[in-house]
Amino acid sequence: MVNRRMFRPGFPDVKEPASARPQHTNGGVIPNKKPAPPEMTHAENFYWVKQMQSHTPMAVVLENGEVLKGTVEWYDRDCIKLTRTGSPNLLVFKRVIKYVYKDGEESASGGEE
């Protein structure tokens, strides 16, 4: 009888990715998954606070095309308070805002004035 031994050659260039195998814990198998992105990035908060602190003149374009100009005095989750000179101050709901830009930037970016 011939004693044949099976062997597995080592290939240092070819390796199994560690993430392909599930991790075992006491309770069961946990697959390696990429964590979900954060639900709140706070980018909007940072933007509004920056504009409020510098009293930047802003133009708020509503969904109907109307443009409101003033400075943002405060904001919350649903609305912003636009302080205007020579006109009444406004509380504008964010859901009716199409977009917002710094007043005076439309000519620098090639837009209509």
N, C-alpha and C. Protein backbone atom coordinates (compact mmCIF):
# COMPACT_ATOMS: atom_id res chain seq x y z
N MET A 1 0.84 -1.17 0.00
CA MET A 1 0.00 0.00 0.00
C MET A 1 0.90 1.25 0.00
N VAL A 2 0.50 2.20 -0.85
CA VAL A 2 1.27 3.43 -0.98
C VAL A 2 0.62 4.51 -0.12
N ASN A 3 1.40 5.17 0.70
CA ASN A 3 0.89 6.25 1.55
C ASN A 3 0.98 7.57 0.78
N ARG A 4 -0.16 8.04 0.38
CA ARG A 4 -0.19 9.30 -0.36
C ARG A 4 -0.71 10.40 0.55
N ARG A 5 0.02 11.44 0.60
CA ARG A 5 -0.36 12.57 1.45
C ARG A 5 -0.84 13.73 0.58
N MET A 6 -2.00 14.29 0.90
CA MET A 6 -2.55 15.45 0.18
C MET A 6 -1.92 16.69 0.76
N PHE A 7 -1.55 17.57 -0.08
CA PHE A 7 -1.01 18.84 0.40
C PHE A 7 -1.58 19.97 -0.42
N ARG A 8 -1.59 21.13 0.17
CA ARG A 8 -2.12 22.32 -0.47
C ARG A 8 -0.97 23.29 -0.64
N PRO A 9 -0.64 23.62 -1.86
CA PRO A 9 0.47 24.56 -2.05
C PRO A 9 0.08 25.95 -1.57
N GLY A 10 1.02 26.65 -1.02
CA GLY A 10 0.77 28.01 -0.54
C GLY A 10 1.01 29.02 -1.65
N PHE A 11 0.04 29.84 -1.92
CA PHE A 11 0.15 30.92 -2.91
C PHE A 11 0.06 32.24 -2.16
N PRO A 12 1.17 32.89 -1.94
CA PRO A 12 1.12 34.13 -1.16
C PRO A 12 0.37 35.26 -1.86
N ASP A 13 0.26 35.22 -3.21
CA ASP A 13 -0.43 36.29 -3.93
C ASP A 13 -1.95 36.15 -3.86
N VAL A 14 -2.44 34.94 -3.71
CA VAL A 14 -3.88 34.71 -3.71
C VAL A 14 -4.31 34.46 -2.28
N LYS A 15 -5.15 35.35 -1.79
CA LYS A 15 -5.65 35.21 -0.43
C LYS A 15 -7.15 35.40 -0.44
N GLU A 16 -7.82 34.72 0.44
CA GLU A 16 -9.26 34.90 0.57
C GLU A 16 -9.52 36.22 1.29
N PRO A 17 -10.47 36.99 0.78
CA PRO A 17 -10.81 38.22 1.51
C PRO A 17 -11.44 37.87 2.86
N ALA A 18 -11.00 38.55 3.88
CA ALA A 18 -11.50 38.27 5.22
C ALA A 18 -12.96 38.64 5.36
N SER A 19 -13.44 39.60 4.56
CA SER A 19 -14.82 40.03 4.68
C SER A 19 -15.79 39.05 4.04
N ALA A 20 -15.31 38.08 3.24
CA ALA A 20 -16.19 37.13 2.59
C ALA A 20 -16.74 36.12 3.59
N ARG A 21 -16.00 35.87 4.66
CA ARG A 21 -16.45 34.91 5.66
C ARG A 21 -17.26 35.62 6.74
N PRO A 22 -18.40 35.07 7.11
CA PRO A 22 -19.17 35.68 8.19
C PRO A 22 -18.47 35.50 9.53
N GLN A 23 -18.67 36.46 10.40
CA GLN A 23 -18.09 36.38 11.74
C GLN A 23 -19.03 35.59 12.64
N HIS A 24 -18.47 34.70 13.41
CA HIS A 24 -19.28 33.90 14.33
C HIS A 24 -19.18 34.48 15.73
N THR A 25 -20.30 34.58 16.36
CA THR A 25 -20.35 35.02 17.75
C THR A 25 -21.09 33.96 18.55
N ASN A 26 -21.23 34.19 19.81
CA ASN A 26 -21.94 33.22 20.65
C ASN A 26 -23.40 33.08 20.24
N GLY A 27 -23.98 34.17 19.78
CA GLY A 27 -25.40 34.15 19.44
C GLY A 27 -25.69 33.68 18.03
N GLY A 28 -24.74 33.77 17.13
CA GLY A 28 -25.02 33.36 15.75
C GLY A 28 -24.01 33.98 14.80
N VAL A 29 -24.42 34.10 13.56
CA VAL A 29 -23.53 34.61 12.52
C VAL A 29 -23.87 36.07 12.24
N ILE A 30 -22.85 36.93 12.22
CA ILE A 30 -23.03 38.34 11.89
C ILE A 30 -22.27 38.60 10.59
N PRO A 31 -22.99 38.91 9.51
CA PRO A 31 -22.27 39.18 8.25
C PRO A 31 -21.56 40.52 8.33
N ASN A 32 -20.41 40.62 7.65
CA ASN A 32 -19.67 41.88 7.61
C ASN A 32 -20.39 42.81 6.65
N LYS A 33 -20.94 43.88 7.16
CA LYS A 33 -21.65 44.86 6.33
C LYS A 33 -21.05 46.23 6.57
N LYS A 34 -21.11 47.01 5.54
CA LYS A 34 -20.67 48.39 5.65
C LYS A 34 -21.70 49.13 6.51
N PRO A 35 -21.25 49.94 7.45
CA PRO A 35 -22.23 50.64 8.30
C PRO A 35 -23.04 51.64 7.47
N ALA A 36 -24.28 51.81 7.85
CA ALA A 36 -25.16 52.74 7.17
C ALA A 36 -24.66 54.17 7.37
N PRO A 37 -24.84 55.03 6.36
CA PRO A 37 -24.42 56.42 6.53
C PRO A 37 -25.27 57.11 7.59
N PRO A 38 -24.72 58.12 8.24
CA PRO A 38 -25.50 58.79 9.28
C PRO A 38 -26.74 59.45 8.70
N GLU A 39 -27.81 59.40 9.46
CA GLU A 39 -29.06 59.98 8.98
C GLU A 39 -29.00 61.51 8.99
N MET A 40 -28.26 62.06 9.93
CA MET A 40 -28.17 63.52 10.05
C MET A 40 -26.71 63.93 9.93
N THR A 41 -26.38 64.74 8.92
CA THR A 41 -24.99 65.17 8.73
C THR A 41 -24.74 66.55 9.33
N HIS A 42 -25.76 67.28 9.66
CA HIS A 42 -25.68 68.62 10.24
C HIS A 42 -25.12 69.65 9.27
N ALA A 43 -25.04 69.33 7.99
CA ALA A 43 -24.55 70.29 6.99
C ALA A 43 -25.50 71.47 6.86
N GLU A 44 -26.81 71.20 6.88
CA GLU A 44 -27.79 72.28 6.78
C GLU A 44 -27.68 73.22 7.98
N ASN A 45 -27.55 72.65 9.16
CA ASN A 45 -27.40 73.47 10.37
C ASN A 45 -26.16 74.35 10.28
N PHE A 46 -25.06 73.77 9.86
CA PHE A 46 -23.82 74.53 9.72
C PHE A 46 -24.00 75.70 8.75
N TYR A 47 -24.68 75.45 7.62
CA TYR A 47 -24.90 76.49 6.62
C TYR A 47 -25.73 77.64 7.18
N TRP A 48 -26.86 77.33 7.82
CA TRP A 48 -27.74 78.39 8.34
C TRP A 48 -27.05 79.18 9.45
N VAL A 49 -26.33 78.52 10.34
CA VAL A 49 -25.64 79.22 11.43
C VAL A 49 -24.58 80.16 10.86
N LYS A 50 -23.85 79.71 9.86
CA LYS A 50 -22.82 80.54 9.23
C LYS A 50 -23.44 81.79 8.60
N GLN A 51 -24.56 81.63 7.91
CA GLN A 51 -25.22 82.78 7.27
C GLN A 51 -25.81 83.74 8.32
N MET A 52 -26.34 83.18 9.41
CA MET A 52 -26.91 84.03 10.46
C MET A 52 -25.83 84.84 11.16
N GLN A 53 -24.70 84.21 11.48
CA GLN A 53 -23.64 84.90 12.21
C GLN A 53 -23.00 86.00 11.38
N SER A 54 -22.88 85.80 10.08
CA SER A 54 -22.25 86.81 9.23
C SER A 54 -23.26 87.81 8.66
N HIS A 55 -24.55 87.63 8.97
CA HIS A 55 -25.62 88.50 8.47
C HIS A 55 -25.53 88.64 6.95
N THR A 56 -25.36 87.52 6.28
CA THR A 56 -25.24 87.49 4.82
C THR A 56 -26.57 87.82 4.17
N PRO A 57 -26.62 88.78 3.25
CA PRO A 57 -27.87 89.02 2.51
C PRO A 57 -28.17 87.80 1.63
N MET A 58 -29.37 87.26 1.78
CA MET A 58 -29.76 86.04 1.08
C MET A 58 -30.94 86.31 0.16
N ALA A 59 -31.03 85.53 -0.89
CA ALA A 59 -32.19 85.53 -1.78
C ALA A 59 -32.82 84.15 -1.70
N VAL A 60 -34.11 84.11 -1.38
CA VAL A 60 -34.84 82.86 -1.25
C VAL A 60 -35.82 82.79 -2.41
N VAL A 61 -35.67 81.78 -3.25
CA VAL A 61 -36.56 81.59 -4.39
C VAL A 61 -37.60 80.54 -4.00
N LEU A 62 -38.87 80.93 -4.10
CA LEU A 62 -39.95 80.02 -3.74
C LEU A 62 -40.33 79.15 -4.93
N GLU A 63 -41.13 78.13 -4.69
CA GLU A 63 -41.54 77.22 -5.75
C GLU A 63 -42.32 77.92 -6.85
N ASN A 64 -43.04 78.99 -6.50
CA ASN A 64 -43.82 79.71 -7.51
C ASN A 64 -42.98 80.74 -8.27
N GLY A 65 -41.68 80.82 -7.98
CA GLY A 65 -40.79 81.72 -8.70
C GLY A 65 -40.55 83.06 -8.02
N GLU A 66 -41.29 83.36 -6.96
CA GLU A 66 -41.11 84.62 -6.25
C GLU A 66 -39.78 84.63 -5.51
N VAL A 67 -39.07 85.76 -5.55
CA VAL A 67 -37.78 85.89 -4.89
C VAL A 67 -37.92 86.81 -3.70
N LEU A 68 -37.50 86.34 -2.52
CA LEU A 68 -37.53 87.13 -1.30
C LEU A 68 -36.09 87.41 -0.90
N LYS A 69 -35.80 88.66 -0.55
CA LYS A 69 -34.43 89.03 -0.18
C LYS A 69 -34.41 89.55 1.25
N GLY A 70 -33.37 89.17 1.98
CA GLY A 70 -33.20 89.59 3.36
C GLY A 70 -32.11 88.77 4.02
N THR A 71 -32.02 88.88 5.35
CA THR A 71 -31.06 88.08 6.09
C THR A 71 -31.81 87.08 6.96
N VAL A 72 -31.20 85.94 7.18
CA VAL A 72 -31.82 84.90 8.00
C VAL A 72 -31.53 85.22 9.46
N GLU A 73 -32.60 85.42 10.24
CA GLU A 73 -32.44 85.73 11.66
C GLU A 73 -32.40 84.46 12.50
N TRP A 74 -33.26 83.49 12.20
CA TRP A 74 -33.23 82.20 12.86
C TRP A 74 -33.89 81.16 11.98
N TYR A 75 -33.72 79.91 12.35
CA TYR A 75 -34.29 78.79 11.60
C TYR A 75 -34.64 77.67 12.57
N ASP A 76 -35.49 76.78 12.10
CA ASP A 76 -35.71 75.54 12.83
C ASP A 76 -35.92 74.43 11.79
N ARG A 77 -36.45 73.32 12.21
CA ARG A 77 -36.57 72.18 11.31
C ARG A 77 -37.48 72.46 10.11
N ASP A 78 -38.52 73.29 10.31
CA ASP A 78 -39.54 73.48 9.28
C ASP A 78 -39.51 74.84 8.58
N CYS A 79 -38.89 75.87 9.18
CA CYS A 79 -38.99 77.20 8.59
C CYS A 79 -37.78 78.06 8.90
N ILE A 80 -37.69 79.20 8.20
CA ILE A 80 -36.65 80.20 8.46
C ILE A 80 -37.34 81.55 8.64
N LYS A 81 -36.73 82.43 9.42
CA LYS A 81 -37.24 83.78 9.58
C LYS A 81 -36.34 84.70 8.76
N LEU A 82 -36.93 85.36 7.78
CA LEU A 82 -36.21 86.25 6.89
C LEU A 82 -36.46 87.68 7.33
N THR A 83 -35.40 88.37 7.76
CA THR A 83 -35.51 89.76 8.19
C THR A 83 -35.20 90.65 6.99
N ARG A 84 -36.14 91.56 6.68
CA ARG A 84 -35.98 92.42 5.52
C ARG A 84 -36.02 93.88 5.95
N THR A 85 -35.32 94.73 5.21
CA THR A 85 -35.34 96.17 5.49
C THR A 85 -36.35 96.82 4.55
N GLY A 86 -37.20 97.66 5.11
CA GLY A 86 -38.22 98.34 4.31
C GLY A 86 -39.43 97.49 4.00
N SER A 87 -39.47 96.27 4.45
CA SER A 87 -40.59 95.35 4.24
C SER A 87 -40.79 94.54 5.51
N PRO A 88 -41.97 93.96 5.66
CA PRO A 88 -42.19 93.13 6.85
C PRO A 88 -41.30 91.89 6.86
N ASN A 89 -40.93 91.46 8.06
CA ASN A 89 -40.17 90.22 8.21
C ASN A 89 -41.09 89.05 7.87
N LEU A 90 -40.49 87.96 7.40
CA LEU A 90 -41.29 86.82 6.96
C LEU A 90 -40.84 85.53 7.63
N LEU A 91 -41.80 84.67 7.88
CA LEU A 91 -41.53 83.31 8.33
C LEU A 91 -41.83 82.43 7.12
N VAL A 92 -40.79 81.81 6.56
CA VAL A 92 -40.93 81.04 5.32
C VAL A 92 -40.75 79.56 5.63
N PHE A 93 -41.76 78.78 5.23
CA PHE A 93 -41.66 77.33 5.41
C PHE A 93 -40.67 76.76 4.42
N LYS A 94 -39.82 75.86 4.89
CA LYS A 94 -38.79 75.27 4.03
C LYS A 94 -39.39 74.45 2.89
N ARG A 95 -40.58 73.91 3.09
CA ARG A 95 -41.17 73.07 2.05
C ARG A 95 -41.57 73.86 0.81
N VAL A 96 -41.69 75.21 0.91
CA VAL A 96 -42.04 76.01 -0.26
C VAL A 96 -40.82 76.69 -0.88
N ILE A 97 -39.63 76.45 -0.32
CA ILE A 97 -38.41 77.04 -0.85
C ILE A 97 -37.87 76.14 -1.96
N LYS A 98 -37.64 76.75 -3.12
CA LYS A 98 -37.06 76.00 -4.23
C LYS A 98 -35.54 75.94 -4.07
N TYR A 99 -34.91 77.11 -3.85
CA TYR A 99 -33.48 77.17 -3.56
C TYR A 99 -33.15 78.50 -2.92
N VAL A 100 -31.94 78.57 -2.35
CA VAL A 100 -31.46 79.75 -1.63
C VAL A 100 -30.06 80.06 -2.14
N TYR A 101 -29.77 81.35 -2.30
CA TYR A 101 -28.40 81.74 -2.66
C TYR A 101 -28.08 83.07 -1.99
N LYS A 102 -26.79 83.37 -1.93
CA LYS A 102 -26.35 84.64 -1.36
C LYS A 102 -26.71 85.75 -2.33
N ASP A 103 -27.34 86.79 -1.83
CA ASP A 103 -27.77 87.90 -2.67
C ASP A 103 -26.54 88.57 -3.29
N GLY A 104 -26.56 88.79 -4.60
CA GLY A 104 -25.45 89.40 -5.29
C GLY A 104 -24.58 88.39 -6.01
N GLU A 105 -24.80 87.09 -5.80
CA GLU A 105 -24.01 86.06 -6.47
C GLU A 105 -24.55 85.72 -7.84
N GLU A 106 -25.79 86.12 -8.17
CA GLU A 106 -26.36 85.74 -9.45
C GLU A 106 -25.60 86.34 -10.63
N SER A 107 -25.03 87.57 -10.47
CA SER A 107 -24.27 88.17 -11.56
C SER A 107 -22.88 87.55 -11.66
N ALA A 108 -22.32 87.10 -10.55
CA ALA A 108 -21.00 86.49 -10.58
C ALA A 108 -21.03 85.10 -11.20
N SER A 109 -22.17 84.38 -11.08
CA SER A 109 -22.26 83.04 -11.63
C SER A 109 -22.88 83.01 -13.02
N GLY A 110 -23.16 84.18 -13.59
CA GLY A 110 -23.69 84.22 -14.95
C GLY A 110 -25.19 84.18 -15.02
N GLY A 111 -25.90 84.28 -13.91
CA GLY A 111 -27.36 84.26 -13.90
C GLY A 111 -27.93 85.62 -14.23
N GLU A 112 -29.26 85.66 -14.27
CA GLU A 112 -29.94 86.93 -14.55
C GLU A 112 -29.89 87.81 -13.31
N GLU A 113 -29.89 89.09 -13.54
CA GLU A 113 -29.86 90.01 -12.41
C GLU A 113 -31.13 90.79 -12.27
